[in-house]
Amino acid sequence: MSKAREIVNMQLSLARRVPEAAREYAGVKIGCLGKYAPGEVPFAMVRLSYDGPRRLVAHGTLHVDGHAVNADAGADTFIEVVDLLQDRLKAQLVKMHG
């Protein structure tokens, strides 16, 4: 892994009914992914919403050296969905190191 990199700009979007605590949790969990990127991550976007009456879905995009790294996840709680999204984005970043 490379030295710690900060994600400079992160946009977090929550659909109605998604708890506000999800914003802070997602910011911390996704914000730490910069250290796995092979280059700078100047922008990240995370959207949390519902797919049906109870299931949460998350979409994340990290911009790494001009390339978009995307992942989606679905789970029953915001903690589970953010953790799964973090795992999927991290796996792609680690893979980029080759």
N, C-alpha and C. Protein backbone atom coordinates (compact mmCIF):
# COMPACT_ATOMS: atom_id res chain seq x y z
N MET A 1 0.84 -1.17 0.00
CA MET A 1 0.00 0.00 0.00
C MET A 1 0.89 1.24 0.00
N SER A 2 0.34 2.30 -0.49
CA SER A 2 1.09 3.55 -0.55
C SER A 2 0.89 4.35 0.73
N LYS A 3 1.63 5.44 0.82
CA LYS A 3 1.48 6.29 2.00
C LYS A 3 0.05 6.79 2.11
N ALA A 4 -0.30 7.22 3.28
CA ALA A 4 -1.67 7.68 3.53
C ALA A 4 -2.01 8.86 2.63
N ARG A 5 -3.13 8.76 1.97
CA ARG A 5 -3.63 9.83 1.12
C ARG A 5 -4.99 10.23 1.63
N GLU A 6 -5.24 11.49 1.60
CA GLU A 6 -6.52 12.01 2.05
C GLU A 6 -7.44 12.19 0.85
N ILE A 7 -8.71 11.82 1.02
CA ILE A 7 -9.70 12.12 0.00
C ILE A 7 -10.13 13.56 0.27
N VAL A 8 -9.75 14.44 -0.63
CA VAL A 8 -9.89 15.87 -0.42
C VAL A 8 -11.35 16.32 -0.40
N ASN A 9 -12.14 15.81 -1.32
CA ASN A 9 -13.51 16.27 -1.48
C ASN A 9 -14.44 15.06 -1.56
N MET A 10 -15.38 14.95 -0.63
CA MET A 10 -16.31 13.84 -0.64
C MET A 10 -17.74 14.37 -0.57
N GLN A 11 -18.55 13.92 -1.50
CA GLN A 11 -19.97 14.28 -1.52
C GLN A 11 -20.76 13.07 -1.01
N LEU A 12 -21.51 13.26 0.06
CA LEU A 12 -22.34 12.20 0.63
C LEU A 12 -23.80 12.59 0.47
N SER A 13 -24.55 11.71 -0.15
CA SER A 13 -25.95 11.98 -0.43
C SER A 13 -26.82 10.91 0.23
N LEU A 14 -27.82 11.35 0.99
CA LEU A 14 -28.72 10.43 1.68
C LEU A 14 -30.14 10.63 1.17
N ALA A 15 -30.80 9.53 0.85
CA ALA A 15 -32.21 9.60 0.50
C ALA A 15 -33.03 9.83 1.76
N ARG A 16 -34.27 10.24 1.58
CA ARG A 16 -35.17 10.40 2.73
C ARG A 16 -35.21 9.12 3.53
N ARG A 17 -35.34 9.24 4.80
CA ARG A 17 -35.47 8.14 5.75
C ARG A 17 -34.13 7.45 6.08
N VAL A 18 -33.06 7.76 5.38
CA VAL A 18 -31.76 7.21 5.76
C VAL A 18 -31.27 8.04 6.94
N PRO A 19 -30.90 7.40 8.05
CA PRO A 19 -30.50 8.15 9.25
C PRO A 19 -29.30 9.07 8.99
N GLU A 20 -29.31 10.23 9.60
CA GLU A 20 -28.21 11.19 9.44
C GLU A 20 -26.89 10.61 9.94
N ALA A 21 -26.94 9.70 10.90
CA ALA A 21 -25.72 9.05 11.39
C ALA A 21 -25.00 8.30 10.28
N ALA A 22 -25.72 7.90 9.25
CA ALA A 22 -25.11 7.20 8.12
C ALA A 22 -24.12 8.10 7.39
N ARG A 23 -24.38 9.39 7.36
CA ARG A 23 -23.48 10.33 6.67
C ARG A 23 -22.10 10.34 7.33
N GLU A 24 -22.07 10.46 8.64
CA GLU A 24 -20.79 10.48 9.35
C GLU A 24 -20.08 9.13 9.22
N TYR A 25 -20.82 8.05 9.38
CA TYR A 25 -20.23 6.72 9.30
C TYR A 25 -19.62 6.49 7.91
N ALA A 26 -20.37 6.83 6.86
CA ALA A 26 -19.86 6.65 5.50
C ALA A 26 -18.64 7.54 5.26
N GLY A 27 -18.67 8.76 5.77
CA GLY A 27 -17.53 9.65 5.60
C GLY A 27 -16.25 9.10 6.18
N VAL A 28 -16.35 8.51 7.35
CA VAL A 28 -15.18 7.92 8.00
C VAL A 28 -14.71 6.68 7.25
N LYS A 29 -15.64 5.78 6.94
CA LYS A 29 -15.27 4.50 6.32
C LYS A 29 -14.74 4.67 4.90
N ILE A 30 -15.38 5.50 4.11
CA ILE A 30 -14.95 5.69 2.73
C ILE A 30 -13.76 6.65 2.68
N GLY A 31 -13.73 7.61 3.58
CA GLY A 31 -12.63 8.58 3.62
C GLY A 31 -11.27 7.97 3.83
N CYS A 32 -11.20 6.83 4.50
CA CYS A 32 -9.91 6.20 4.77
C CYS A 32 -9.39 5.38 3.58
N LEU A 33 -10.15 5.26 2.52
CA LEU A 33 -9.73 4.43 1.38
C LEU A 33 -8.61 5.05 0.56
N GLY A 34 -8.37 6.34 0.71
CA GLY A 34 -7.32 6.99 -0.05
C GLY A 34 -5.96 6.33 0.11
N LYS A 35 -5.71 5.73 1.25
CA LYS A 35 -4.40 5.10 1.49
C LYS A 35 -4.18 3.87 0.62
N TYR A 36 -5.24 3.32 0.04
CA TYR A 36 -5.11 2.14 -0.82
C TYR A 36 -5.01 2.51 -2.30
N ALA A 37 -5.22 3.76 -2.63
CA ALA A 37 -5.23 4.19 -4.02
C ALA A 37 -3.81 4.33 -4.56
N PRO A 38 -3.61 4.00 -5.84
CA PRO A 38 -2.29 4.14 -6.44
C PRO A 38 -1.95 5.58 -6.79
N GLY A 39 -2.88 6.48 -6.59
CA GLY A 39 -2.65 7.89 -6.87
C GLY A 39 -3.59 8.74 -6.03
N GLU A 40 -3.61 10.01 -6.33
CA GLU A 40 -4.47 10.93 -5.58
C GLU A 40 -5.94 10.63 -5.83
N VAL A 41 -6.75 10.87 -4.81
CA VAL A 41 -8.21 10.72 -4.91
C VAL A 41 -8.80 12.10 -4.61
N PRO A 42 -8.93 12.95 -5.64
CA PRO A 42 -9.40 14.30 -5.39
C PRO A 42 -10.89 14.41 -5.12
N PHE A 43 -11.66 13.36 -5.49
CA PHE A 43 -13.11 13.44 -5.32
C PHE A 43 -13.70 12.06 -5.11
N ALA A 44 -14.66 11.99 -4.21
CA ALA A 44 -15.41 10.75 -3.97
C ALA A 44 -16.88 11.10 -3.82
N MET A 45 -17.75 10.20 -4.25
CA MET A 45 -19.18 10.39 -4.13
C MET A 45 -19.79 9.11 -3.57
N VAL A 46 -20.64 9.27 -2.57
CA VAL A 46 -21.36 8.13 -1.97
C VAL A 46 -22.82 8.50 -1.88
N ARG A 47 -23.67 7.60 -2.35
CA ARG A 47 -25.12 7.80 -2.26
C ARG A 47 -25.74 6.62 -1.54
N LEU A 48 -26.52 6.91 -0.50
CA LEU A 48 -27.25 5.89 0.25
C LEU A 48 -28.74 6.11 0.02
N SER A 49 -29.42 5.04 -0.38
CA SER A 49 -30.85 5.14 -0.63
C SER A 49 -31.51 3.80 -0.32
N TYR A 50 -32.79 3.74 -0.55
CA TYR A 50 -33.55 2.51 -0.31
C TYR A 50 -33.94 1.87 -1.63
N ASP A 51 -33.91 0.54 -1.65
CA ASP A 51 -34.40 -0.25 -2.78
C ASP A 51 -35.55 -1.07 -2.22
N GLY A 52 -36.72 -0.53 -2.27
CA GLY A 52 -37.86 -1.17 -1.63
C GLY A 52 -38.09 -0.57 -0.26
N PRO A 53 -38.99 -1.14 0.50
CA PRO A 53 -39.37 -0.53 1.78
C PRO A 53 -38.30 -0.60 2.87
N ARG A 54 -37.38 -1.58 2.81
CA ARG A 54 -36.44 -1.74 3.93
C ARG A 54 -34.99 -1.90 3.53
N ARG A 55 -34.69 -2.34 2.33
CA ARG A 55 -33.32 -2.65 1.94
C ARG A 55 -32.57 -1.38 1.51
N LEU A 56 -31.43 -1.16 2.12
CA LEU A 56 -30.57 -0.02 1.78
C LEU A 56 -29.62 -0.40 0.65
N VAL A 57 -29.37 0.55 -0.21
CA VAL A 57 -28.38 0.37 -1.26
C VAL A 57 -27.39 1.54 -1.20
N ALA A 58 -26.18 1.26 -1.61
CA ALA A 58 -25.13 2.28 -1.62
C ALA A 58 -24.41 2.23 -2.95
N HIS A 59 -24.07 3.39 -3.45
CA HIS A 59 -23.25 3.50 -4.65
C HIS A 59 -22.10 4.44 -4.31
N GLY A 60 -20.90 4.03 -4.68
CA GLY A 60 -19.74 4.87 -4.42
C GLY A 60 -18.87 5.00 -5.66
N THR A 61 -18.32 6.17 -5.85
CA THR A 61 -17.38 6.43 -6.94
C THR A 61 -16.19 7.19 -6.36
N LEU A 62 -15.01 6.68 -6.64
CA LEU A 62 -13.77 7.37 -6.28
C LEU A 62 -13.07 7.74 -7.57
N HIS A 63 -12.61 8.97 -7.68
CA HIS A 63 -11.85 9.39 -8.86
C HIS A 63 -10.37 9.28 -8.51
N VAL A 64 -9.69 8.36 -9.19
CA VAL A 64 -8.29 8.06 -8.91
C VAL A 64 -7.47 8.30 -10.17
N ASP A 65 -6.62 9.30 -10.15
CA ASP A 65 -5.76 9.60 -11.30
C ASP A 65 -6.54 9.62 -12.61
N GLY A 66 -7.71 10.25 -12.61
CA GLY A 66 -8.50 10.37 -13.83
C GLY A 66 -9.38 9.18 -14.15
N HIS A 67 -9.37 8.16 -13.32
CA HIS A 67 -10.20 6.97 -13.54
C HIS A 67 -11.27 6.89 -12.46
N ALA A 68 -12.47 6.48 -12.85
CA ALA A 68 -13.55 6.30 -11.89
C ALA A 68 -13.54 4.86 -11.38
N VAL A 69 -13.54 4.71 -10.08
CA VAL A 69 -13.65 3.40 -9.43
C VAL A 69 -15.04 3.36 -8.80
N ASN A 70 -15.89 2.44 -9.28
CA ASN A 70 -17.29 2.37 -8.86
C ASN A 70 -17.58 1.07 -8.14
N ALA A 71 -18.51 1.14 -7.20
CA ALA A 71 -18.99 -0.07 -6.52
C ALA A 71 -20.41 0.18 -6.02
N ASP A 72 -21.15 -0.90 -5.92
CA ASP A 72 -22.52 -0.88 -5.39
C ASP A 72 -22.63 -1.94 -4.31
N ALA A 73 -23.56 -1.72 -3.39
CA ALA A 73 -23.79 -2.70 -2.32
C ALA A 73 -25.24 -2.58 -1.86
N GLY A 74 -25.73 -3.65 -1.28
CA GLY A 74 -27.07 -3.66 -0.70
C GLY A 74 -27.06 -4.44 0.60
N ALA A 75 -27.81 -3.97 1.59
CA ALA A 75 -27.87 -4.64 2.90
C ALA A 75 -29.06 -4.10 3.67
N ASP A 76 -29.28 -4.66 4.84
CA ASP A 76 -30.44 -4.30 5.64
C ASP A 76 -30.22 -3.11 6.57
N THR A 77 -28.96 -2.78 6.89
CA THR A 77 -28.67 -1.64 7.77
C THR A 77 -27.63 -0.75 7.10
N PHE A 78 -27.59 0.52 7.54
CA PHE A 78 -26.62 1.42 6.92
C PHE A 78 -25.19 1.03 7.28
N ILE A 79 -24.97 0.45 8.43
CA ILE A 79 -23.62 0.01 8.80
C ILE A 79 -23.18 -1.13 7.87
N GLU A 80 -24.05 -2.09 7.66
CA GLU A 80 -23.71 -3.21 6.78
C GLU A 80 -23.46 -2.74 5.35
N VAL A 81 -24.32 -1.86 4.84
CA VAL A 81 -24.18 -1.45 3.45
C VAL A 81 -22.93 -0.61 3.24
N VAL A 82 -22.59 0.24 4.19
CA VAL A 82 -21.37 1.06 4.07
C VAL A 82 -20.13 0.17 4.19
N ASP A 83 -20.14 -0.78 5.12
CA ASP A 83 -19.00 -1.69 5.25
C ASP A 83 -18.79 -2.51 3.98
N LEU A 84 -19.88 -2.98 3.38
CA LEU A 84 -19.78 -3.76 2.15
C LEU A 84 -19.27 -2.88 1.00
N LEU A 85 -19.77 -1.66 0.91
CA LEU A 85 -19.29 -0.74 -0.12
C LEU A 85 -17.80 -0.46 0.07
N GLN A 86 -17.37 -0.23 1.30
CA GLN A 86 -15.96 0.00 1.58
C GLN A 86 -15.11 -1.19 1.14
N ASP A 87 -15.55 -2.40 1.47
CA ASP A 87 -14.81 -3.60 1.07
C ASP A 87 -14.68 -3.70 -0.45
N ARG A 88 -15.75 -3.41 -1.16
CA ARG A 88 -15.73 -3.53 -2.62
C ARG A 88 -14.84 -2.46 -3.27
N LEU A 89 -14.90 -1.25 -2.76
CA LEU A 89 -14.03 -0.20 -3.30
C LEU A 89 -12.57 -0.48 -2.97
N LYS A 90 -12.31 -0.93 -1.75
CA LYS A 90 -10.93 -1.25 -1.34
C LYS A 90 -10.35 -2.35 -2.22
N ALA A 91 -11.14 -3.39 -2.51
CA ALA A 91 -10.66 -4.49 -3.35
C ALA A 91 -10.24 -3.98 -4.73
N GLN A 92 -11.01 -3.06 -5.28
CA GLN A 92 -10.67 -2.52 -6.59
C GLN A 92 -9.40 -1.66 -6.53
N LEU A 93 -9.27 -0.89 -5.47
CA LEU A 93 -8.07 -0.05 -5.32
C LEU A 93 -6.82 -0.90 -5.16
N VAL A 94 -6.90 -1.94 -4.36
CA VAL A 94 -5.76 -2.84 -4.16
C VAL A 94 -5.40 -3.50 -5.48
N LYS A 95 -6.40 -3.88 -6.25
CA LYS A 95 -6.18 -4.52 -7.54
C LYS A 95 -5.48 -3.57 -8.52
N MET A 96 -5.76 -2.28 -8.41
CA MET A 96 -5.13 -1.28 -9.28
C MET A 96 -3.62 -1.20 -9.07
N HIS A 97 -3.17 -1.58 -7.88
CA HIS A 97 -1.72 -1.57 -7.61
C HIS A 97 -0.99 -2.62 -8.43
N GLY A 98 -1.74 -3.64 -8.88
CA GLY A 98 -1.19 -4.69 -9.73
C GLY A 98 -0.22 -5.52 -9.08
